[in-house]
Amino acid sequence: DVILCSGCSCALDLSITVLAKEGQNILIPRPGFSIYRTLAEGLGVSVRSYNLL
């Protein structure tokens, strides 16, 4: 399947919305793209991070 989005933020929002439910956790890299945390917390998904360096 191919899904067209109007940009990276839209694609990330769609991915988090589809794959994570409110109250669940996602793991993001640090340093990383800050929109991961913003989108996830807006949907009620908890964010945990791990160090890349």
PDB file of N, CA and C in Angstrom:
ATOM      1  N   ASP A   1       0.823  -1.174   0.000  1.00  0.00           N
ATOM      2  CA  ASP A   1       0.000   0.000   0.000  1.00  0.00           C
ATOM      3  C   ASP A   1       0.874   1.246   0.000  1.00  0.00           C
ATOM      4  N   VAL A   2       0.389   2.263  -0.672  1.00  0.00           N
ATOM      5  CA  VAL A   2       1.063   3.554  -0.711  1.00  0.00           C
ATOM      6  C   VAL A   2       0.083   4.610  -0.231  1.00  0.00           C
ATOM      7  N   ILE A   3       0.531   5.430   0.716  1.00  0.00           N
ATOM      8  CA  ILE A   3      -0.309   6.517   1.220  1.00  0.00           C
ATOM      9  C   ILE A   3       0.423   7.820   0.956  1.00  0.00           C
ATOM     10  N   LEU A   4      -0.236   8.724   0.274  1.00  0.00           N
ATOM     11  CA  LEU A   4       0.351  10.027  -0.015  1.00  0.00           C
ATOM     12  C   LEU A   4      -0.001  11.006   1.094  1.00  0.00           C
ATOM     13  N   CYS A   5       0.981  11.752   1.537  1.00  0.00           N
ATOM     14  CA  CYS A   5       0.780  12.765   2.574  1.00  0.00           C
ATOM     15  C   CYS A   5       1.334  14.092   2.081  1.00  0.00           C
ATOM     16  N   SER A   6       0.896  15.144   2.710  1.00  0.00           N
ATOM     17  CA  SER A   6       1.322  16.478   2.287  1.00  0.00           C
ATOM     18  C   SER A   6       2.611  16.933   2.967  1.00  0.00           C
ATOM     19  N   GLY A   7       3.358  16.010   3.516  1.00  0.00           N
ATOM     20  CA  GLY A   7       4.627  16.346   4.150  1.00  0.00           C
ATOM     21  C   GLY A   7       4.966  15.367   5.258  1.00  0.00           C
ATOM     22  N   CYS A   8       6.141  15.536   5.813  1.00  0.00           N
ATOM     23  CA  CYS A   8       6.635  14.647   6.856  1.00  0.00           C
ATOM     24  C   CYS A   8       5.774  14.712   8.119  1.00  0.00           C
ATOM     25  N   SER A   9       5.370  15.893   8.516  1.00  0.00           N
ATOM     26  CA  SER A   9       4.555  16.040   9.729  1.00  0.00           C
ATOM     27  C   SER A   9       3.229  15.310   9.589  1.00  0.00           C
ATOM     28  N   CYS A  10       2.622  15.412   8.437  1.00  0.00           N
ATOM     29  CA  CYS A  10       1.355  14.720   8.181  1.00  0.00           C
ATOM     30  C   CYS A  10       1.553  13.205   8.236  1.00  0.00           C
ATOM     31  N   ALA A  11       2.636  12.723   7.640  1.00  0.00           N
ATOM     32  CA  ALA A  11       2.921  11.293   7.636  1.00  0.00           C
ATOM     33  C   ALA A  11       3.185  10.773   9.051  1.00  0.00           C
ATOM     34  N   LEU A  12       3.934  11.529   9.843  1.00  0.00           N
ATOM     35  CA  LEU A  12       4.198  11.124  11.221  1.00  0.00           C
ATOM     36  C   LEU A  12       2.927  11.130  12.057  1.00  0.00           C
ATOM     37  N   ASP A  13       2.097  12.137  11.886  1.00  0.00           N
ATOM     38  CA  ASP A  13       0.832  12.217  12.609  1.00  0.00           C
ATOM     39  C   ASP A  13      -0.044  11.020  12.268  1.00  0.00           C
ATOM     40  N   LEU A  14      -0.141  10.691  11.005  1.00  0.00           N
ATOM     41  CA  LEU A  14      -0.936   9.547  10.574  1.00  0.00           C
ATOM     42  C   LEU A  14      -0.381   8.253  11.159  1.00  0.00           C
ATOM     43  N   SER A  15       0.926   8.091  11.127  1.00  0.00           N
ATOM     44  CA  SER A  15       1.557   6.880  11.654  1.00  0.00           C
ATOM     45  C   SER A  15       1.309   6.701  13.148  1.00  0.00           C
ATOM     46  N   ILE A  16       1.506   7.760  13.908  1.00  0.00           N
ATOM     47  CA  ILE A  16       1.298   7.667  15.356  1.00  0.00           C
ATOM     48  C   ILE A  16      -0.176   7.429  15.667  1.00  0.00           C
ATOM     49  N   THR A  17      -1.066   8.090  14.956  1.00  0.00           N
ATOM     50  CA  THR A  17      -2.505   7.924  15.177  1.00  0.00           C
ATOM     51  C   THR A  17      -2.942   6.487  14.925  1.00  0.00           C
ATOM     52  N   VAL A  18      -2.420   5.873  13.877  1.00  0.00           N
ATOM     53  CA  VAL A  18      -2.820   4.518  13.502  1.00  0.00           C
ATOM     54  C   VAL A  18      -2.174   3.462  14.393  1.00  0.00           C
ATOM     55  N   LEU A  19      -0.924   3.672  14.774  1.00  0.00           N
ATOM     56  CA  LEU A  19      -0.174   2.623  15.461  1.00  0.00           C
ATOM     57  C   LEU A  19      -0.204   2.681  16.984  1.00  0.00           C
ATOM     58  N   ALA A  20      -0.498   3.824  17.569  1.00  0.00           N
ATOM     59  CA  ALA A  20      -0.462   3.950  19.031  1.00  0.00           C
ATOM     60  C   ALA A  20      -1.806   4.446  19.556  1.00  0.00           C
ATOM     61  N   LYS A  21      -2.216   3.870  20.665  1.00  0.00           N
ATOM     62  CA  LYS A  21      -3.458   4.286  21.313  1.00  0.00           C
ATOM     63  C   LYS A  21      -3.132   5.134  22.543  1.00  0.00           C
ATOM     64  N   GLU A  22      -4.107   5.902  22.977  1.00  0.00           N
ATOM     65  CA  GLU A  22      -3.933   6.738  24.165  1.00  0.00           C
ATOM     66  C   GLU A  22      -3.503   5.878  25.347  1.00  0.00           C
ATOM     67  N   GLY A  23      -2.492   6.347  26.071  1.00  0.00           N
ATOM     68  CA  GLY A  23      -1.982   5.624  27.227  1.00  0.00           C
ATOM     69  C   GLY A  23      -0.820   4.691  26.912  1.00  0.00           C
ATOM     70  N   GLN A  24      -0.568   4.426  25.641  1.00  0.00           N
ATOM     71  CA  GLN A  24       0.567   3.591  25.267  1.00  0.00           C
ATOM     72  C   GLN A  24       1.840   4.429  25.218  1.00  0.00           C
ATOM     73  N   ASN A  25       2.978   3.764  25.028  1.00  0.00           N
ATOM     74  CA  ASN A  25       4.279   4.425  24.941  1.00  0.00           C
ATOM     75  C   ASN A  25       4.854   4.279  23.543  1.00  0.00           C
ATOM     76  N   ILE A  26       5.612   5.286  23.114  1.00  0.00           N
ATOM     77  CA  ILE A  26       6.448   5.139  21.933  1.00  0.00           C
ATOM     78  C   ILE A  26       7.873   5.493  22.329  1.00  0.00           C
ATOM     79  N   LEU A  27       8.820   4.949  21.615  1.00  0.00           N
ATOM     80  CA  LEU A  27      10.235   5.165  21.880  1.00  0.00           C
ATOM     81  C   LEU A  27      10.808   6.012  20.751  1.00  0.00           C
ATOM     82  N   ILE A  28      11.442   7.137  21.112  1.00  0.00           N
ATOM     83  CA  ILE A  28      12.016   8.034  20.104  1.00  0.00           C
ATOM     84  C   ILE A  28      13.494   8.274  20.403  1.00  0.00           C
ATOM     85  N   PRO A  29      14.291   8.554  19.362  1.00  0.00           N
ATOM     86  CA  PRO A  29      15.713   8.824  19.586  1.00  0.00           C
ATOM     87  C   PRO A  29      15.949  10.228  20.119  1.00  0.00           C
ATOM     88  N   ARG A  30      17.049  10.386  20.871  1.00  0.00           N
ATOM     89  CA  ARG A  30      17.469  11.700  21.359  1.00  0.00           C
ATOM     90  C   ARG A  30      18.940  11.872  21.043  1.00  0.00           C
ATOM     91  N   PRO A  31      19.410  12.815  20.308  1.00  0.00           N
ATOM     92  CA  PRO A  31      18.614  13.871  19.680  1.00  0.00           C
ATOM     93  C   PRO A  31      17.798  13.315  18.517  1.00  0.00           C
ATOM     94  N   GLY A  32      16.701  13.983  18.254  1.00  0.00           N
ATOM     95  CA  GLY A  32      15.821  13.550  17.182  1.00  0.00           C
ATOM     96  C   GLY A  32      14.907  14.668  16.734  1.00  0.00           C
ATOM     97  N   PHE A  33      13.988  14.323  15.883  1.00  0.00           N
ATOM     98  CA  PHE A  33      13.041  15.271  15.317  1.00  0.00           C
ATOM     99  C   PHE A  33      12.001  15.608  16.391  1.00  0.00           C
ATOM    100  N   SER A  34      11.890  16.857  16.793  1.00  0.00           N
ATOM    101  CA  SER A  34      11.059  17.254  17.936  1.00  0.00           C
ATOM    102  C   SER A  34       9.566  17.036  17.718  1.00  0.00           C
ATOM    103  N   ILE A  35       9.135  16.921  16.483  1.00  0.00           N
ATOM    104  CA  ILE A  35       7.696  16.782  16.240  1.00  0.00           C
ATOM    105  C   ILE A  35       7.155  15.434  16.723  1.00  0.00           C
ATOM    106  N   TYR A  36       8.031  14.413  16.860  1.00  0.00           N
ATOM    107  CA  TYR A  36       7.574  13.127  17.390  1.00  0.00           C
ATOM    108  C   TYR A  36       6.881  13.329  18.740  1.00  0.00           C
ATOM    109  N   ARG A  37       7.562  14.013  19.643  1.00  0.00           N
ATOM    110  CA  ARG A  37       7.034  14.224  20.997  1.00  0.00           C
ATOM    111  C   ARG A  37       5.760  15.071  20.964  1.00  0.00           C
ATOM    112  N   THR A  38       5.767  16.134  20.184  1.00  0.00           N
ATOM    113  CA  THR A  38       4.616  17.036  20.098  1.00  0.00           C
ATOM    114  C   THR A  38       3.373  16.300  19.615  1.00  0.00           C
ATOM    115  N   LEU A  39       3.514  15.531  18.558  1.00  0.00           N
ATOM    116  CA  LEU A  39       2.370  14.803  18.002  1.00  0.00           C
ATOM    117  C   LEU A  39       1.875  13.725  18.961  1.00  0.00           C
ATOM    118  N   ALA A  40       2.802  12.962  19.522  1.00  0.00           N
ATOM    119  CA  ALA A  40       2.417  11.870  20.413  1.00  0.00           C
ATOM    120  C   ALA A  40       1.712  12.383  21.662  1.00  0.00           C
ATOM    121  N   GLU A  41       2.268  13.392  22.297  1.00  0.00           N
ATOM    122  CA  GLU A  41       1.651  13.917  23.515  1.00  0.00           C
ATOM    123  C   GLU A  41       0.299  14.549  23.225  1.00  0.00           C
ATOM    124  N   GLY A  42       0.129  15.116  22.054  1.00  0.00           N
ATOM    125  CA  GLY A  42      -1.165  15.667  21.661  1.00  0.00           C
ATOM    126  C   GLY A  42      -2.237  14.601  21.513  1.00  0.00           C
ATOM    127  N   LEU A  43      -1.819  13.363  21.254  1.00  0.00           N
ATOM    128  CA  LEU A  43      -2.751  12.242  21.114  1.00  0.00           C
ATOM    129  C   LEU A  43      -2.874  11.426  22.398  1.00  0.00           C
ATOM    130  N   GLY A  44      -2.204  11.867  23.460  1.00  0.00           N
ATOM    131  CA  GLY A  44      -2.277  11.154  24.735  1.00  0.00           C
ATOM    132  C   GLY A  44      -1.360   9.946  24.809  1.00  0.00           C
ATOM    133  N   VAL A  45      -0.353   9.891  23.951  1.00  0.00           N
ATOM    134  CA  VAL A  45       0.604   8.790  23.932  1.00  0.00           C
ATOM    135  C   VAL A  45       1.851   9.229  24.698  1.00  0.00           C
ATOM    136  N   SER A  46       2.307   8.399  25.622  1.00  0.00           N
ATOM    137  CA  SER A  46       3.512   8.713  26.395  1.00  0.00           C
ATOM    138  C   SER A  46       4.750   8.512  25.531  1.00  0.00           C
ATOM    139  N   VAL A  47       5.765   9.332  25.780  1.00  0.00           N
ATOM    140  CA  VAL A  47       6.990   9.275  24.984  1.00  0.00           C
ATOM    141  C   VAL A  47       8.168   8.936  25.883  1.00  0.00           C
ATOM    142  N   ARG A  48       8.946   7.963  25.460  1.00  0.00           N
ATOM    143  CA  ARG A  48      10.205   7.635  26.118  1.00  0.00           C
ATOM    144  C   ARG A  48      11.298   7.801  25.075  1.00  0.00           C
ATOM    145  N   SER A  49      12.478   8.167  25.516  1.00  0.00           N
ATOM    146  CA  SER A  49      13.549   8.405  24.550  1.00  0.00           C
ATOM    147  C   SER A  49      14.798   7.619  24.919  1.00  0.00           C
ATOM    148  N   TYR A  50      15.639   7.417  23.918  1.00  0.00           N
ATOM    149  CA  TYR A  50      16.925   6.758  24.112  1.00  0.00           C
ATOM    150  C   TYR A  50      18.005   7.607  23.450  1.00  0.00           C
ATOM    151  N   ASN A  51      19.216   7.527  23.955  1.00  0.00           N
ATOM    152  CA  ASN A  51      20.325   8.336  23.446  1.00  0.00           C
ATOM    153  C   ASN A  51      20.956   7.688  22.223  1.00  0.00           C
ATOM    154  N   LEU A  52      21.138   8.484  21.180  1.00  0.00           N
ATOM    155  CA  LEU A  52      21.839   8.017  19.992  1.00  0.00           C
ATOM    156  C   LEU A  52      23.342   8.143  20.148  1.00  0.00           C
ATOM    157  N   LEU A  53      23.758   9.109  20.927  1.00  0.00           N
ATOM    158  CA  LEU A  53      25.193   9.364  21.086  1.00  0.00           C
ATOM    159  C   LEU A  53      25.675   8.931  22.442  1.00  0.00           C
TER     160      LEU A  53
END
